[in-house]
Amino acid sequence: MFLNYNLSSGGIMSYTYLTAEELAAIIKYDVRTVRERLKDSVFYEGVHYVRPFGGRKILYLWEEIEKEIHQGPNPLILLAS
């Protein structure tokens, strides 16, 4: 389910929402790795994923994850570990 939500006329960035399964297929990781290892350690709620309408379902924001992949780890997070 690639859902591209675009409000570019209002100046808001367009996001592609992915399920854990779709994200795992794109980045070539096992879906369990996305859910158990990357979520909340590399991907953060409100930055890399959202819970629409306050529910349990998680949708990953592809554009933010792609930025993270290309820029590498945040040095401040590494120092805090």
Protein backbone atom coordinates (compact mmCIF):
# COMPACT_ATOMS: atom_id res chain seq x y z
CA MET A 1 0.00 0.00 0.00
CA PHE A 2 2.03 2.95 -1.24
CA LEU A 3 0.02 5.96 -0.20
CA ASN A 4 1.45 9.24 -1.39
CA TYR A 5 -0.22 12.11 0.39
CA ASN A 6 0.54 15.46 -1.20
CA LEU A 7 -0.50 18.86 0.03
CA SER A 8 2.11 20.74 -1.98
CA SER A 9 -0.26 23.60 -2.77
CA GLY A 10 -0.22 24.46 0.95
CA GLY A 11 3.55 24.17 1.17
CA ILE A 12 3.44 20.95 3.19
CA MET A 13 5.79 18.13 2.22
CA SER A 14 4.45 15.08 0.47
CA TYR A 15 4.95 11.74 2.26
CA THR A 16 4.80 8.15 1.12
CA TYR A 17 3.29 6.00 3.88
CA LEU A 18 4.47 2.39 4.12
CA THR A 19 3.57 -0.55 6.30
CA ALA A 20 6.37 -2.46 8.04
CA GLU A 21 6.12 -5.17 5.39
CA GLU A 22 6.45 -2.70 2.51
CA LEU A 23 9.36 -0.90 4.17
CA ALA A 24 11.15 -4.18 4.86
CA ALA A 25 10.85 -5.17 1.20
CA ILE A 26 12.26 -1.83 0.03
CA ILE A 27 15.25 -1.72 2.40
CA LYS A 28 15.82 -5.49 2.15
CA TYR A 29 15.43 -6.27 5.85
CA ASP A 30 13.26 -8.86 7.53
CA VAL A 31 9.96 -7.36 8.72
CA ARG A 32 10.75 -8.49 12.29
CA THR A 33 13.97 -6.48 12.18
CA VAL A 34 12.01 -3.37 11.22
CA ARG A 35 9.45 -3.92 13.98
CA GLU A 36 11.74 -5.10 16.78
CA ARG A 37 15.18 -3.61 16.16
CA LEU A 38 14.84 -0.47 14.05
CA LYS A 39 11.60 0.93 15.46
CA ASP A 40 12.36 3.21 18.42
CA SER A 41 16.13 2.78 18.13
CA VAL A 42 16.74 4.10 14.60
CA PHE A 43 13.24 5.13 13.56
CA TYR A 44 11.40 7.45 15.95
CA GLU A 45 7.70 8.14 16.29
CA GLY A 46 6.77 11.52 14.86
CA VAL A 47 9.91 11.61 12.72
CA HIS A 48 10.13 8.29 10.85
CA TYR A 49 6.69 6.85 11.57
CA VAL A 50 3.22 7.88 12.71
CA ARG A 51 0.21 6.25 14.30
CA PRO A 52 -2.75 7.65 12.34
CA PHE A 53 -5.69 8.79 14.43
CA GLY A 54 -3.94 7.69 17.65
CA GLY A 55 -4.43 4.05 16.76
CA ARG A 56 -2.18 1.00 16.92
CA LYS A 57 -1.35 0.87 13.21
CA ILE A 58 2.08 2.23 12.32
CA LEU A 59 2.85 3.84 8.99
CA TYR A 60 6.47 4.60 8.10
CA LEU A 61 7.38 7.83 6.31
CA TRP A 62 9.57 6.79 3.39
CA GLU A 63 11.07 10.23 2.69
CA GLU A 64 12.30 10.60 6.29
CA ILE A 65 13.70 7.06 6.36
CA GLU A 66 15.45 7.63 3.05
CA LYS A 67 17.10 10.77 4.48
CA GLU A 68 18.26 8.74 7.50
CA ILE A 69 19.73 6.04 5.27
CA HIS A 70 21.74 8.59 3.27
CA GLN A 71 22.99 10.74 6.14
CA GLY A 72 23.94 7.92 8.51
CA PRO A 73 23.65 7.87 12.29
CA ASN A 74 23.24 11.04 14.30
CA PRO A 75 26.52 11.68 16.22
CA LEU A 76 24.61 13.10 19.22
CA ILE A 77 22.66 9.86 19.58
CA LEU A 78 25.89 7.84 19.39
CA LEU A 79 27.50 9.96 22.14
CA ALA A 80 24.46 9.47 24.39
CA SER A 81 24.67 5.67 24.11
